[in-house]
C-alpha cells in the first residue's frame, strides 16, 4: 500500500516538473524571438537599408541636384527612418514651381522623388497688380498685367501676396466662389469673374458678353444655362445676360444706332431680348 502511494506522488511530481519545463521553454522561445526581432529592427535602422541612390522623376523645371538639395536627403541616410511627408513638404516649400511632390521608398536602398510642376491657372487682381496662381492655389508670381489665356478674378481680396504662399481670401465666401468657378467645366469660356459684390457676381465672355449671375447659389447651373443661350446669339453683336427667376436667362443686345447726320442727337440704343429656359439643376 505504501508503494502505491509513493508511486502516485512521484507521478504527480513528474507531471508538475514537465509542465514547468514546457512553460519555461515557451518563455525561452518567446524571449529569443523578441531578441531576434529587436536585433533585426536595430540593424535595419542603422546598418541595413541605407540610402545609396536618389532618383528624381516627373516633368519639372528643376535639376536633379536642386531637388536633392531641397529634399534634405543624404546618401547613407536610413531608408526605414526616412519621413516621406517631411521630405515632400520640404521640397514644396523650397521649390516654388513644384505643385505636388511624392516620395517613394524602394528597398533596399533607393528613394524616388516624383515632382509635378505648377500649372498657371488664374490671375487674381489685387491693389498692386495681379497674382498668377496655380491650379491648387499656390501663388507663383506677381505681375503688373494679367497673363493672356488665364481666367481673371477681381474683387477676391487675397490675404497673402508673396510667391510660394497659398492663395486665400480675407472673406471665406469668396474662397468658395473662387473654387466653384475654377472647378466648373462651363467656366472654360470665361475670361473674367468679378466678385466685388458677392451677391451680384458678374462674369465676362471676352469683351462681347457680360453675364450678371447674381449670388453664388447654383453657379454651375447658371453657367450651363448661359452655355445654351450663347450659341443662339448673333456673333457680331454684344450682349448683356442676366438671370430671370430661377430657371430663365435673358440676353439683351445693346448697340448704338448708326446715323448719317452727326449733328442730330444720338439715337437711343436698340435692344433685342432672347429668353431661354432649362430644367432646374438636379
Protein backbone atom coordinates (compact mmCIF):
# COMPACT_ATOMS: atom_id res chain seq x y z
CA UNK A 1 0.00 0.00 0.00
CA UNK A 2 2.80 2.37 0.80
CA UNK A 3 4.47 1.65 -2.56
CA UNK A 4 1.27 2.57 -4.41
CA UNK A 5 1.07 5.89 -2.59
CA UNK A 6 4.72 6.71 -3.28
CA UNK A 7 4.33 5.90 -6.97
CA UNK A 8 1.30 8.17 -7.24
CA UNK A 9 3.15 11.03 -5.56
CA UNK A 10 6.13 10.64 -7.87
CA UNK A 11 3.89 10.74 -10.93
CA UNK A 12 2.30 13.95 -9.75
CA UNK A 13 5.71 15.49 -9.11
CA UNK A 14 6.98 14.43 -12.53
CA UNK A 15 3.88 15.87 -14.19
CA UNK A 16 4.41 19.21 -12.43
CA UNK A 17 8.07 19.30 -13.47
CA UNK A 18 7.13 18.61 -17.11
CA UNK A 19 4.57 21.41 -17.09
CA UNK A 20 7.16 23.78 -15.62
CA UNK A 21 9.66 22.76 -18.30
CA UNK A 22 7.11 23.41 -21.04
CA UNK A 23 6.27 26.83 -19.59
CA UNK A 24 9.93 27.65 -19.25
CA UNK A 25 10.60 26.51 -22.80
CA UNK A 26 7.75 28.68 -24.13
CA UNK A 27 9.09 31.68 -22.26
CA UNK A 28 12.58 30.96 -23.53
CA UNK A 29 11.39 30.76 -27.15
CA UNK A 30 9.40 33.99 -26.74
CA UNK A 31 12.42 35.79 -25.31
CA UNK A 32 14.61 34.53 -28.16
CA UNK A 33 12.06 35.74 -30.73
CA UNK A 34 11.84 39.15 -29.06
CA UNK A 35 15.63 39.37 -29.01
CA UNK A 36 15.92 38.39 -32.68
CA UNK A 37 13.24 40.87 -33.73
CA UNK A 38 14.86 43.61 -31.66
CA UNK A 39 18.28 42.97 -33.14
CA UNK A 40 16.80 42.87 -36.65
CA UNK A 41 14.96 46.13 -36.10
CA UNK A 42 18.06 47.80 -34.67
CA UNK A 43 20.15 46.65 -37.62
CA UNK A 44 17.51 47.79 -40.12
CA UNK A 45 17.54 51.24 -38.53
CA UNK A 46 21.33 51.50 -38.55
CA UNK A 47 23.38 49.16 -40.72
CA UNK A 48 20.83 47.87 -43.25
CA UNK A 49 18.62 49.77 -45.77
CA UNK A 50 20.86 52.81 -46.01
CA UNK A 51 20.16 55.08 -48.99
CA UNK A 52 22.56 54.64 -51.88
CA UNK A 53 20.52 56.14 -54.72
CA UNK A 54 18.14 59.12 -55.03
CA UNK A 55 16.06 59.21 -58.20
CA UNK A 56 14.09 62.25 -59.41
CA UNK A 57 11.20 61.75 -61.84
CA UNK A 58 8.44 63.94 -63.24
CA UNK A 59 8.25 66.92 -65.57
CA UNK A 60 9.96 69.65 -63.61
CA UNK A 61 11.83 72.86 -64.34
CA UNK A 62 14.38 71.99 -61.66
CA UNK A 63 17.56 69.96 -61.98
CA UNK A 64 18.03 66.75 -60.03
CA UNK A 65 20.62 68.47 -57.85
CA UNK A 66 18.15 71.23 -56.94
CA UNK A 67 15.57 68.63 -55.93
CA UNK A 68 18.17 66.69 -53.91
CA UNK A 69 19.13 69.84 -52.02
CA UNK A 70 15.51 70.78 -51.34
CA UNK A 71 14.69 67.30 -50.04
CA UNK A 72 17.42 67.28 -47.41
CA UNK A 73 18.11 63.58 -48.08
CA UNK A 74 21.72 62.43 -47.97
CA UNK A 75 23.23 59.21 -49.25
CA UNK A 76 23.74 56.97 -46.23
CA UNK A 77 20.53 58.09 -44.51
CA UNK A 78 18.44 55.18 -43.30
CA UNK A 79 15.54 54.29 -45.59
CA UNK A 80 13.45 52.90 -42.73
CA UNK A 81 13.74 56.10 -40.73
CA UNK A 82 13.02 58.41 -43.66
CA UNK A 83 9.90 60.56 -43.12
CA UNK A 84 8.40 60.84 -46.61
CA UNK A 85 5.86 63.51 -45.57
CA UNK A 86 8.58 65.78 -44.19
CA UNK A 87 10.65 65.34 -47.35
CA UNK A 88 7.65 66.17 -49.55
CA UNK A 89 6.83 69.30 -47.52
CA UNK A 90 10.47 70.40 -47.63
CA UNK A 91 10.59 70.21 -51.42
CA UNK A 92 7.25 72.01 -51.79
CA UNK A 93 8.36 74.85 -49.51
CA UNK A 94 11.70 75.36 -51.25
CA UNK A 95 10.80 74.85 -54.92
CA UNK A 96 8.28 77.48 -55.98
CA UNK A 97 7.23 75.76 -59.21
CA UNK A 98 6.53 72.36 -57.63
CA UNK A 99 2.80 71.67 -57.28
CA UNK A 100 2.87 68.09 -55.97
CA UNK A 101 5.74 66.01 -54.56
CA UNK A 102 5.55 62.30 -53.82
CA UNK A 103 8.34 60.34 -52.12
CA UNK A 104 8.59 56.57 -52.54
CA UNK A 105 10.90 54.09 -50.82
CA UNK A 106 12.33 51.33 -52.98
CA UNK A 107 14.02 48.78 -50.75
CA UNK A 108 16.77 48.05 -50.11
CA UNK A 109 18.47 51.38 -50.87
CA UNK A 110 16.66 53.74 -53.29
CA UNK A 111 14.45 56.79 -52.83
CA UNK A 112 12.31 58.15 -55.66
CA UNK A 113 11.14 61.78 -55.59
CA UNK A 114 8.30 62.46 -58.03
CA UNK A 115 7.82 66.16 -58.78
CA UNK A 116 4.80 67.53 -60.62
CA UNK A 117 5.07 71.14 -61.82
CA UNK A 118 2.69 74.00 -61.12
CA UNK A 119 0.42 74.98 -63.99
CA UNK A 120 -0.58 78.69 -64.07
CA UNK A 121 -4.37 78.68 -63.90
CA UNK A 122 -5.71 82.05 -62.80
CA UNK A 123 -4.89 85.75 -62.40
CA UNK A 124 -6.15 87.24 -59.16
CA UNK A 125 -6.31 91.03 -59.05
CA UNK A 126 -5.07 92.95 -56.04
CA UNK A 127 -4.20 96.60 -55.42
CA UNK A 128 -0.68 96.28 -56.84
CA UNK A 129 -1.44 94.21 -59.92
CA UNK A 130 -2.13 90.51 -60.39
CA UNK A 131 -1.16 87.25 -58.70
CA UNK A 132 -0.51 84.31 -61.01
CA UNK A 133 -1.91 81.26 -59.24
CA UNK A 134 -1.58 77.51 -59.83
CA UNK A 135 -4.45 75.02 -60.01
CA UNK A 136 -4.03 74.19 -56.32
CA UNK A 137 -3.84 77.83 -55.26
CA UNK A 138 -0.09 78.34 -54.99
CA UNK A 139 0.97 81.92 -55.72
CA UNK A 140 3.62 81.74 -58.45
CA UNK A 141 4.42 85.37 -59.22
CA UNK A 142 3.26 88.98 -59.17
CA UNK A 143 2.67 90.84 -62.43
CA UNK A 144 1.52 94.29 -63.42
CA UNK A 145 -0.74 92.88 -66.15
CA UNK A 146 -2.81 89.69 -66.37
CA UNK A 147 -1.37 86.81 -68.37
CA UNK A 148 -3.10 86.02 -71.62
CA UNK A 149 -5.25 82.91 -71.54
CA UNK A 150 -5.74 82.82 -67.77
CA UNK A 151 -9.07 83.44 -66.06
CA UNK A 152 -9.07 86.80 -64.25
CA UNK A 153 -10.66 87.18 -60.81
CA UNK A 154 -11.50 90.62 -59.45
CA UNK A 155 -12.80 91.51 -56.01
CA UNK A 156 -11.23 88.44 -54.37
CA UNK A 157 -9.12 90.38 -51.78
CA UNK A 158 -6.18 87.99 -51.23
CA UNK A 159 -4.85 87.70 -47.69
CA UNK A 160 -1.31 86.74 -48.77
CA UNK A 161 0.67 88.14 -51.68
CA UNK A 162 4.10 86.50 -51.69
CA UNK A 163 5.09 83.83 -54.24
CA UNK A 164 5.13 80.39 -52.63
CA UNK A 165 2.24 81.17 -50.29
CA UNK A 166 -1.19 79.62 -50.75
CA UNK A 167 -3.98 81.83 -52.06
CA UNK A 168 -6.73 82.61 -49.58
CA UNK A 169 -9.19 85.47 -49.28
CA UNK A 170 -9.92 87.61 -46.27
CA UNK A 171 -13.58 86.67 -46.89
CA UNK A 172 -14.44 82.96 -46.60
CA UNK A 173 -17.37 83.15 -49.03
CA UNK A 174 -15.07 84.40 -51.78
CA UNK A 175 -12.82 81.38 -51.33
CA UNK A 176 -15.85 79.21 -52.06
CA UNK A 177 -16.83 81.30 -55.10
CA UNK A 178 -13.29 81.14 -56.50
CA UNK A 179 -13.17 77.36 -56.12
CA UNK A 180 -16.63 76.94 -57.66
CA UNK A 181 -15.57 78.71 -60.86
CA UNK A 182 -12.19 77.02 -61.20
CA UNK A 183 -13.68 73.55 -60.82
CA UNK A 184 -16.57 74.12 -63.24
CA UNK A 185 -16.42 72.78 -66.79
CA UNK A 186 -18.76 75.53 -68.03
CA UNK A 187 -16.28 78.21 -66.90
CA UNK A 188 -13.82 77.25 -69.64
CA UNK A 189 -15.01 80.05 -71.95
CA UNK A 190 -14.96 82.76 -69.28
CA UNK A 191 -12.29 85.45 -69.35
CA UNK A 192 -13.14 87.33 -66.15
CA UNK A 193 -15.06 86.89 -62.90
CA UNK A 194 -15.90 89.98 -60.84
CA UNK A 195 -16.94 89.06 -57.30
CA UNK A 196 -16.52 92.54 -55.81
CA UNK A 197 -20.12 92.18 -54.65
CA UNK A 198 -20.54 88.51 -53.76
CA UNK A 199 -24.32 88.89 -54.05
CA UNK A 200 -24.10 90.39 -57.54
CA UNK A 201 -21.38 88.42 -59.35
CA UNK A 202 -20.58 89.40 -62.93
CA UNK A 203 -18.74 87.20 -65.44
CA UNK A 204 -17.43 88.03 -68.90
CA UNK A 205 -17.02 86.00 -72.07
CA UNK A 206 -14.37 88.09 -73.79
CA UNK A 207 -15.49 91.67 -74.42
CA UNK A 208 -18.70 90.58 -76.15
CA UNK A 209 -20.85 89.08 -73.40
CA UNK A 210 -21.47 90.18 -69.84
CA UNK A 211 -23.48 87.87 -67.59
CA UNK A 212 -24.93 89.08 -64.28
CA UNK A 213 -25.40 85.81 -62.41
CA UNK A 214 -26.45 87.28 -59.07
CA UNK A 215 -25.38 85.46 -55.92
CA UNK A 216 -23.20 82.35 -55.63
CA UNK A 217 -26.08 79.87 -55.46
CA UNK A 218 -26.04 77.22 -58.22
CA UNK A 219 -23.12 78.73 -60.14
CA UNK A 220 -22.74 75.57 -62.21
CA UNK A 221 -26.39 75.59 -63.26
CA UNK A 222 -26.30 79.28 -64.22
CA UNK A 223 -23.20 78.79 -66.37
CA UNK A 224 -24.78 75.77 -68.03
CA UNK A 225 -27.88 77.83 -68.77
CA UNK A 226 -25.71 80.54 -70.35
CA UNK A 227 -23.96 77.90 -72.45
CA UNK A 228 -27.32 77.00 -74.03
CA UNK A 229 -28.19 80.65 -74.76
CA UNK A 230 -24.89 81.96 -76.16
CA UNK A 231 -24.87 79.84 -79.37
CA UNK A 232 -28.24 81.42 -80.30
CA UNK A 233 -26.83 84.95 -80.17
CA UNK A 234 -25.52 86.98 -83.11
CA UNK A 235 -21.72 86.62 -83.17
CA UNK A 236 -21.26 90.20 -84.37
CA UNK A 237 -23.19 91.84 -81.55
CA UNK A 238 -22.60 92.41 -77.85
CA UNK A 239 -25.00 91.23 -75.18
CA UNK A 240 -25.86 91.55 -71.53
CA UNK A 241 -27.12 88.35 -69.96
CA UNK A 242 -28.98 88.14 -66.68
CA UNK A 243 -30.91 85.60 -64.68
CA UNK A 244 -34.70 85.84 -64.75
CA UNK A 245 -36.14 83.88 -61.86
CA UNK A 246 -34.53 80.56 -61.06
CA UNK A 247 -34.53 78.84 -64.44
CA UNK A 248 -34.52 81.50 -67.16
CA UNK A 249 -31.84 83.68 -68.68
CA UNK A 250 -32.40 86.88 -70.64
CA UNK A 251 -29.97 88.10 -73.31
CA UNK A 252 -30.31 91.75 -74.26
CA UNK A 253 -28.47 93.12 -77.27
CA UNK A 254 -27.30 96.70 -76.91
CA UNK A 255 -25.66 98.60 -79.70
CA UNK A 256 -25.51 102.30 -80.66
CA UNK A 257 -27.67 103.10 -83.67
CA UNK A 258 -25.87 104.24 -86.83
CA UNK A 259 -26.72 107.73 -88.08
CA UNK A 260 -25.75 109.63 -91.22
CA UNK A 261 -26.43 113.00 -89.59
CA UNK A 262 -23.84 113.61 -86.83
CA UNK A 263 -25.48 116.91 -85.96
CA UNK A 264 -28.59 115.09 -84.75
CA UNK A 265 -28.72 113.83 -81.15
CA UNK A 266 -27.58 110.25 -80.74
CA UNK A 267 -30.45 107.81 -81.06
CA UNK A 268 -31.14 105.53 -78.12
CA UNK A 269 -29.64 102.08 -78.13
CA UNK A 270 -31.70 99.33 -79.73
CA UNK A 271 -32.34 96.24 -77.70
CA UNK A 272 -33.31 92.69 -78.50
CA UNK A 273 -34.21 90.15 -75.87
CA UNK A 274 -33.88 86.37 -76.12
CA UNK A 275 -35.10 84.18 -73.31
CA UNK A 276 -34.12 80.55 -72.84
CA UNK A 277 -35.40 78.09 -70.28
CA UNK A 278 -33.86 74.92 -68.90
CA UNK A 279 -34.89 72.38 -66.34
CA UNK A 280 -33.66 73.15 -62.83
CA UNK A 281 -30.40 71.54 -61.80
CA UNK A 282 -30.77 68.07 -60.33
